[in-house]
PDB file of N, CA and C in Angstrom:
ATOM      1  N   MET A   1     115.732  92.826 106.031  1.00  0.00           N
ATOM      2  CA  MET A   1     116.310  93.892 105.237  1.00  0.00           C
ATOM      3  C   MET A   1     116.617  95.061 106.167  1.00  0.00           C
ATOM      4  N   THR A   2     117.559  95.878 105.772  1.00  0.00           N
ATOM      5  CA  THR A   2     117.895  97.039 106.580  1.00  0.00           C
ATOM      6  C   THR A   2     117.171  98.278 106.054  1.00  0.00           C
ATOM      7  N   CYS A   3     117.124  99.262 106.899  1.00  0.00           N
ATOM      8  CA  CYS A   3     116.564 100.552 106.506  1.00  0.00           C
ATOM      9  C   CYS A   3     117.277 101.052 105.253  1.00  0.00           C
ATOM     10  N   ARG A   4     118.597 100.918 105.226  1.00  0.00           N
ATOM     11  CA  ARG A   4     119.394 101.393 104.086  1.00  0.00           C
ATOM     12  C   ARG A   4     119.029 100.639 102.799  1.00  0.00           C
ATOM     13  N   GLN A   5     118.808  99.333 102.886  1.00  0.00           N
ATOM     14  CA  GLN A   5     118.427  98.551 101.702  1.00  0.00           C
ATOM     15  C   GLN A   5     117.089  99.019 101.132  1.00  0.00           C
ATOM     16  N   LEU A   6     116.271  99.588 101.990  1.00  0.00           N
ATOM     17  CA  LEU A   6     114.945 100.053 101.590  1.00  0.00           C
ATOM     18  C   LEU A   6     114.920 101.545 101.269  1.00  0.00           C
ATOM     19  N   GLY A   7     116.098 102.161 101.218  1.00  0.00           N
ATOM     20  CA  GLY A   7     116.181 103.561 100.833  1.00  0.00           C
ATOM     21  C   GLY A   7     116.382 104.532 101.974  1.00  0.00           C
ATOM     22  N   GLY A   8     116.523 104.019 103.186  1.00  0.00           N
ATOM     23  CA  GLY A   8     116.726 104.885 104.337  1.00  0.00           C
ATOM     24  C   GLY A   8     118.199 105.095 104.648  1.00  0.00           C
ATOM     25  N   PRO A   9     118.495 105.822 105.732  1.00  0.00           N
ATOM     26  CA  PRO A   9     119.863 106.196 106.036  1.00  0.00           C
ATOM     27  C   PRO A   9     120.598 105.317 107.053  1.00  0.00           C
ATOM     28  N   CYS A  10     119.937 104.321 107.634  1.00  0.00           N
ATOM     29  CA  CYS A  10     120.615 103.586 108.706  1.00  0.00           C
ATOM     30  C   CYS A  10     120.616 102.079 108.449  1.00  0.00           C
ATOM     31  N   ASP A  11     121.277 101.366 109.316  1.00  0.00           N
ATOM     32  CA  ASP A  11     121.418  99.916 109.163  1.00  0.00           C
ATOM     33  C   ASP A  11     120.525  99.128 110.116  1.00  0.00           C
ATOM     34  N   LEU A  12     119.457  99.756 110.608  1.00  0.00           N
ATOM     35  CA  LEU A  12     118.508  99.045 111.456  1.00  0.00           C
ATOM     36  C   LEU A  12     117.941  97.874 110.668  1.00  0.00           C
ATOM     37  N   GLU A  13     117.966  96.691 111.269  1.00  0.00           N
ATOM     38  CA  GLU A  13     117.432  95.508 110.593  1.00  0.00           C
ATOM     39  C   GLU A  13     115.939  95.393 110.855  1.00  0.00           C
ATOM     40  N   LEU A  14     115.192  95.272 109.792  1.00  0.00           N
ATOM     41  CA  LEU A  14     113.750  95.072 109.857  1.00  0.00           C
ATOM     42  C   LEU A  14     113.464  93.654 109.394  1.00  0.00           C
ATOM     43  N   SER A  15     112.454  93.037 109.976  1.00  0.00           N
ATOM     44  CA  SER A  15     112.128  91.683 109.534  1.00  0.00           C
ATOM     45  C   SER A  15     110.622  91.547 109.351  1.00  0.00           C
ATOM     46  N   ALA A  16     110.259  90.688 108.427  1.00  0.00           N
ATOM     47  CA  ALA A  16     108.853  90.435 108.119  1.00  0.00           C
ATOM     48  C   ALA A  16     108.772  89.167 107.289  1.00  0.00           C
ATOM     49  N   ASP A  17     107.571  88.657 107.138  1.00  0.00           N
ATOM     50  CA  ASP A  17     107.365  87.442 106.356  1.00  0.00           C
ATOM     51  C   ASP A  17     107.114  87.718 104.880  1.00  0.00           C
ATOM     52  N   THR A  18     106.682  88.933 104.555  1.00  0.00           N
ATOM     53  CA  THR A  18     106.395  89.270 103.159  1.00  0.00           C
ATOM     54  C   THR A  18     107.024  90.614 102.806  1.00  0.00           C
ATOM     55  N   ALA A  19     107.149  90.865 101.530  1.00  0.00           N
ATOM     56  CA  ALA A  19     107.686  92.148 101.070  1.00  0.00           C
ATOM     57  C   ALA A  19     106.766  93.296 101.492  1.00  0.00           C
ATOM     58  N   ASP A  20     105.469  93.086 101.408  1.00  0.00           N
ATOM     59  CA  ASP A  20     104.540  94.148 101.805  1.00  0.00           C
ATOM     60  C   ASP A  20     104.691  94.486 103.283  1.00  0.00           C
ATOM     61  N   GLU A  21     104.916  93.472 104.119  1.00  0.00           N
ATOM     62  CA  GLU A  21     105.108  93.706 105.541  1.00  0.00           C
ATOM     63  C   GLU A  21     106.416  94.446 105.810  1.00  0.00           C
ATOM     64  N   ILE A  22     107.474  94.130 105.061  1.00  0.00           N
ATOM     65  CA  ILE A  22     108.753  94.808 105.267  1.00  0.00           C
ATOM     66  C   ILE A  22     108.638  96.267 104.834  1.00  0.00           C
ATOM     67  N   ILE A  23     107.872  96.530 103.792  1.00  0.00           N
ATOM     68  CA  ILE A  23     107.654  97.909 103.350  1.00  0.00           C
ATOM     69  C   ILE A  23     106.892  98.683 104.424  1.00  0.00           C
ATOM     70  N   LYS A  24     105.879  98.072 105.013  1.00  0.00           N
ATOM     71  CA  LYS A  24     105.127  98.721 106.085  1.00  0.00           C
ATOM     72  C   LYS A  24     106.009  98.956 107.303  1.00  0.00           C
ATOM     73  N   ALA A  25     106.887  98.007 107.612  1.00  0.00           N
ATOM     74  CA  ALA A  25     107.804  98.173 108.737  1.00  0.00           C
ATOM     75  C   ALA A  25     108.755  99.336 108.488  1.00  0.00           C
ATOM     76  N   GLN A  26     109.240  99.458 107.254  1.00  0.00           N
ATOM     77  CA  GLN A  26     110.117 100.583 106.898  1.00  0.00           C
ATOM     78  C   GLN A  26     109.365 101.902 107.011  1.00  0.00           C
ATOM     79  N   ASP A  27     108.139 101.937 106.533  1.00  0.00           N
ATOM     80  CA  ASP A  27     107.339 103.158 106.618  1.00  0.00           C
ATOM     81  C   ASP A  27     107.159 103.575 108.085  1.00  0.00           C
ATOM     82  N   ARG A  28     106.854 102.609 108.956  1.00  0.00           N
ATOM     83  CA  ARG A  28     106.697 102.904 110.385  1.00  0.00           C
ATOM     84  C   ARG A  28     108.002 103.427 110.976  1.00  0.00           C
ATOM     85  N   HIS A  29     109.110 102.757 110.637  1.00  0.00           N
ATOM     86  CA  HIS A  29     110.422 103.154 111.155  1.00  0.00           C
ATOM     87  C   HIS A  29     110.751 104.588 110.731  1.00  0.00           C
ATOM     88  N   LEU A  30     110.562 104.906 109.459  1.00  0.00           N
ATOM     89  CA  LEU A  30     110.865 106.244 108.978  1.00  0.00           C
ATOM     90  C   LEU A  30     109.981 107.290 109.661  1.00  0.00           C
ATOM     91  N   ARG A  31     108.708 106.984 109.791  1.00  0.00           N
ATOM     92  CA  ARG A  31     107.774 107.911 110.431  1.00  0.00           C
ATOM     93  C   ARG A  31     108.170 108.163 111.886  1.00  0.00           C
ATOM     94  N   GLU A  32     108.461 107.089 112.627  1.00  0.00           N
ATOM     95  CA  GLU A  32     108.831 107.224 114.032  1.00  0.00           C
ATOM     96  C   GLU A  32     110.152 107.968 114.196  1.00  0.00           C
ATOM     97  N   ALA A  33     111.125 107.658 113.347  1.00  0.00           N
ATOM     98  CA  ALA A  33     112.427 108.322 113.440  1.00  0.00           C
ATOM     99  C   ALA A  33     112.292 109.811 113.142  1.00  0.00           C
ATOM    100  N   ALA A  34     111.531 110.147 112.118  1.00  0.00           N
ATOM    101  CA  ALA A  34     111.345 111.555 111.756  1.00  0.00           C
ATOM    102  C   ALA A  34     110.596 112.297 112.861  1.00  0.00           C
ATOM    103  N   ARG A  35     109.581 111.666 113.425  1.00  0.00           N
ATOM    104  CA  ARG A  35     108.810 112.301 114.504  1.00  0.00           C
ATOM    105  C   ARG A  35     109.658 112.532 115.743  1.00  0.00           C
ATOM    106  N   SER A  36     110.621 111.651 115.964  1.00  0.00           N
ATOM    107  CA  SER A  36     111.468 111.787 117.155  1.00  0.00           C
ATOM    108  C   SER A  36     112.584 112.812 116.938  1.00  0.00           C
ATOM    109  N   GLY A  37     112.635 113.396 115.748  1.00  0.00           N
ATOM    110  CA  GLY A  37     113.615 114.442 115.481  1.00  0.00           C
ATOM    111  C   GLY A  37     114.893 113.979 114.819  1.00  0.00           C
ATOM    112  N   ASP A  38     114.946 112.735 114.369  1.00  0.00           N
ATOM    113  CA  ASP A  38     116.146 112.218 113.692  1.00  0.00           C
ATOM    114  C   ASP A  38     116.214 112.822 112.289  1.00  0.00           C
ATOM    115  N   GLN A  39     117.035 113.843 112.138  1.00  0.00           N
ATOM    116  CA  GLN A  39     117.115 114.576 110.871  1.00  0.00           C
ATOM    117  C   GLN A  39     117.661 113.728 109.731  1.00  0.00           C
ATOM    118  N   ASP A  40     118.425 112.684 110.027  1.00  0.00           N
ATOM    119  CA  ASP A  40     118.940 111.806 108.976  1.00  0.00           C
ATOM    120  C   ASP A  40     117.815 111.068 108.259  1.00  0.00           C
ATOM    121  N   HIS A  41     116.715 110.823 108.970  1.00  0.00           N
ATOM    122  CA  HIS A  41     115.609 110.060 108.400  1.00  0.00           C
ATOM    123  C   HIS A  41     114.561 110.932 107.703  1.00  0.00           C
ATOM    124  N   VAL A  42     114.608 112.241 107.911  1.00  0.00           N
ATOM    125  CA  VAL A  42     113.581 113.124 107.353  1.00  0.00           C
ATOM    126  C   VAL A  42     113.501 113.038 105.828  1.00  0.00           C
ATOM    127  N   PRO A  43     114.626 113.107 105.091  1.00  0.00           N
ATOM    128  CA  PRO A  43     114.503 113.017 103.622  1.00  0.00           C
ATOM    129  C   PRO A  43     113.858 111.712 103.148  1.00  0.00           C
ATOM    130  N   ALA A  44     114.239 110.585 103.745  1.00  0.00           N
ATOM    131  CA  ALA A  44     113.652 109.301 103.353  1.00  0.00           C
ATOM    132  C   ALA A  44     112.172 109.254 103.725  1.00  0.00           C
ATOM    133  N   HIS A  45     111.817 109.854 104.846  1.00  0.00           N
ATOM    134  CA  HIS A  45     110.418 109.897 105.271  1.00  0.00           C
ATOM    135  C   HIS A  45     109.600 110.740 104.294  1.00  0.00           C
ATOM    136  N   GLU A  46     110.135 111.878 103.889  1.00  0.00           N
ATOM    137  CA  GLU A  46     109.440 112.729 102.923  1.00  0.00           C
ATOM    138  C   GLU A  46     109.278 112.006 101.588  1.00  0.00           C
ATOM    139  N   GLU A  47     110.319 111.297 101.174  1.00  0.00           N
ATOM    140  CA  GLU A  47     110.231 110.526  99.923  1.00  0.00           C
ATOM    141  C   GLU A  47     109.154 109.460 100.039  1.00  0.00           C
ATOM    142  N   MET A  48     109.106 108.785 101.189  1.00  0.00           N
ATOM    143  CA  MET A  48     108.098 107.749 101.411  1.00  0.00           C
ATOM    144  C   MET A  48     106.701 108.356 101.350  1.00  0.00           C
ATOM    145  N   LYS A  49     106.498 109.503 101.981  1.00  0.00           N
ATOM    146  CA  LYS A  49     105.178 110.136 101.975  1.00  0.00           C
ATOM    147  C   LYS A  49     104.757 110.552 100.568  1.00  0.00           C
ATOM    148  N   GLY A  50     105.704 110.969  99.757  1.00  0.00           N
ATOM    149  CA  GLY A  50     105.377 111.437  98.418  1.00  0.00           C
ATOM    150  C   GLY A  50     105.489 110.383  97.341  1.00  0.00           C
ATOM    151  N   ARG A  51     105.830 109.172  97.744  1.00  0.00           N
ATOM    152  CA  ARG A  51     106.084 108.101  96.780  1.00  0.00           C
ATOM    153  C   ARG A  51     104.947 107.931  95.783  1.00  0.00           C
ATOM    154  N   TRP A  52     103.724 107.948  96.233  1.00  0.00           N
ATOM    155  CA  TRP A  52     102.606 107.624  95.344  1.00  0.00           C
ATOM    156  C   TRP A  52     102.094 108.826  94.562  1.00  0.00           C
ATOM    157  N   LYS A  53     102.763 109.979  94.728  1.00  0.00           N
ATOM    158  CA  LYS A  53     102.432 111.122  93.872  1.00  0.00           C
ATOM    159  C   LYS A  53     102.991 110.909  92.473  1.00  0.00           C
ATOM    160  N   HIS A  54     103.923 109.987  92.357  1.00  0.00           N
ATOM    161  CA  HIS A  54     104.550 109.633  91.078  1.00  0.00           C
ATOM    162  C   HIS A  54     104.398 108.117  90.901  1.00  0.00           C
ATOM    163  N   PRO A  55     103.218 107.664  90.472  1.00  0.00           N
ATOM    164  CA  PRO A  55     102.903 106.234  90.464  1.00  0.00           C
ATOM    165  C   PRO A  55     103.843 105.365  89.647  1.00  0.00           C
ATOM    166  N   VAL A  56     104.336 105.834  88.521  1.00  0.00           N
ATOM    167  CA  VAL A  56     105.216 104.997  87.698  1.00  0.00           C
ATOM    168  C   VAL A  56     106.526 104.742  88.442  1.00  0.00           C
ATOM    169  N   LYS A  57     107.098 105.791  88.980  1.00  0.00           N
ATOM    170  CA  LYS A  57     108.338 105.659  89.755  1.00  0.00           C
ATOM    171  C   LYS A  57     108.097 104.805  91.002  1.00  0.00           C
ATOM    172  N   ALA A  58     106.960 105.014  91.653  1.00  0.00           N
ATOM    173  CA  ALA A  58     106.636 104.261  92.865  1.00  0.00           C
ATOM    174  C   ALA A  58     106.498 102.769  92.569  1.00  0.00           C
ATOM    175  N   MET A  59     105.867 102.438  91.464  1.00  0.00           N
ATOM    176  CA  MET A  59     105.709 101.021  91.125  1.00  0.00           C
ATOM    177  C   MET A  59     107.064 100.383  90.824  1.00  0.00           C
ATOM    178  N   GLY A  60     107.967 101.136  90.228  1.00  0.00           N
ATOM    179  CA  GLY A  60     109.317 100.623  89.996  1.00  0.00           C
ATOM    180  C   GLY A  60     110.014 100.322  91.308  1.00  0.00           C
ATOM    181  N   TRP A  61     109.912 101.251  92.275  1.00  0.00           N
ATOM    182  CA  TRP A  61     110.505 101.042  93.598  1.00  0.00           C
ATOM    183  C   TRP A  61     109.872  99.820  94.264  1.00  0.00           C
ATOM    184  N   TYR A  62     108.565  99.721  94.171  1.00  0.00           N
ATOM    185  CA  TYR A  62     107.832  98.615  94.789  1.00  0.00           C
ATOM    186  C   TYR A  62     108.265  97.270  94.192  1.00  0.00           C
ATOM    187  N   ARG A  63     108.341  97.194  92.869  1.00  0.00           N
ATOM    188  CA  ARG A  63     108.763  95.942  92.215  1.00  0.00           C
ATOM    189  C   ARG A  63     110.199  95.585  92.595  1.00  0.00           C
ATOM    190  N   ASN A  64     111.079  96.569  92.591  1.00  0.00           N
ATOM    191  CA  ASN A  64     112.476  96.315  92.951  1.00  0.00           C
ATOM    192  C   ASN A  64     112.601  95.849  94.393  1.00  0.00           C
ATOM    193  N   THR A  65     111.812  96.426  95.279  1.00  0.00           N
ATOM    194  CA  THR A  65     111.840  96.027  96.682  1.00  0.00           C
ATOM    195  C   THR A  65     111.334  94.604  96.840  1.00  0.00           C
ATOM    196  N   LYS A  66     110.270  94.267  96.133  1.00  0.00           N
ATOM    197  CA  LYS A  66     109.746  92.883  96.201  1.00  0.00           C
ATOM    198  C   LYS A  66     110.778  91.892  95.678  1.00  0.00           C
ATOM    199  N   LYS A  67     111.474  92.225  94.607  1.00  0.00           N
ATOM    200  CA  LYS A  67     112.512  91.342  94.056  1.00  0.00           C
ATOM    201  C   LYS A  67     113.649  91.183  95.044  1.00  0.00           C
ATOM    202  N   ALA A  68     114.091  92.278  95.627  1.00  0.00           N
ATOM    203  CA  ALA A  68     115.190  92.226  96.599  1.00  0.00           C
ATOM    204  C   ALA A  68     114.802  91.383  97.796  1.00  0.00           C
ATOM    205  N   PHE A  69     113.565  91.529  98.269  1.00  0.00           N
ATOM    206  CA  PHE A  69     113.086  90.746  99.407  1.00  0.00           C
ATOM    207  C   PHE A  69     113.046  89.265  99.051  1.00  0.00           C
ATOM    208  N   ALA A  70     112.547  88.952  97.864  1.00  0.00           N
ATOM    209  CA  ALA A  70     112.448  87.552  97.429  1.00  0.00           C
ATOM    210  C   ALA A  70     113.815  86.901  97.272  1.00  0.00           C
ATOM    211  N   ALA A  71     114.837  87.693  96.959  1.00  0.00           N
ATOM    212  CA  ALA A  71     116.178  87.161  96.757  1.00  0.00           C
ATOM    213  C   ALA A  71     116.905  86.870  98.068  1.00  0.00           C
ATOM    214  N   LEU A  72     116.357  87.343  99.191  1.00  0.00           N
ATOM    215  CA  LEU A  72     117.022  87.103 100.473  1.00  0.00           C
ATOM    216  C   LEU A  72     116.880  85.645 100.894  1.00  0.00           C
ATOM    217  N   PRO A  73     117.880  85.146 101.626  1.00  0.00           N
ATOM    218  CA  PRO A  73     117.781  83.741 102.099  1.00  0.00           C
ATOM    219  C   PRO A  73     116.695  83.562 103.135  1.00  0.00           C
TER     220      PRO A  73
END
């Protein structure tokens, strides 16, 4: 999946064996990009950090991401 497919701003391809691993890879990518000063990634990084402050919305994102991952070839 790409960063953009996971809610980020770029087309970096991330790979993993499970949806949970791809989510962790996206979280790492956003954190590293934001720390390195990439301003395009800051909003997505902030959203990722605050995701679980709104559990109902977060669970919807999580379920949708798992479905999207499962639908990939």
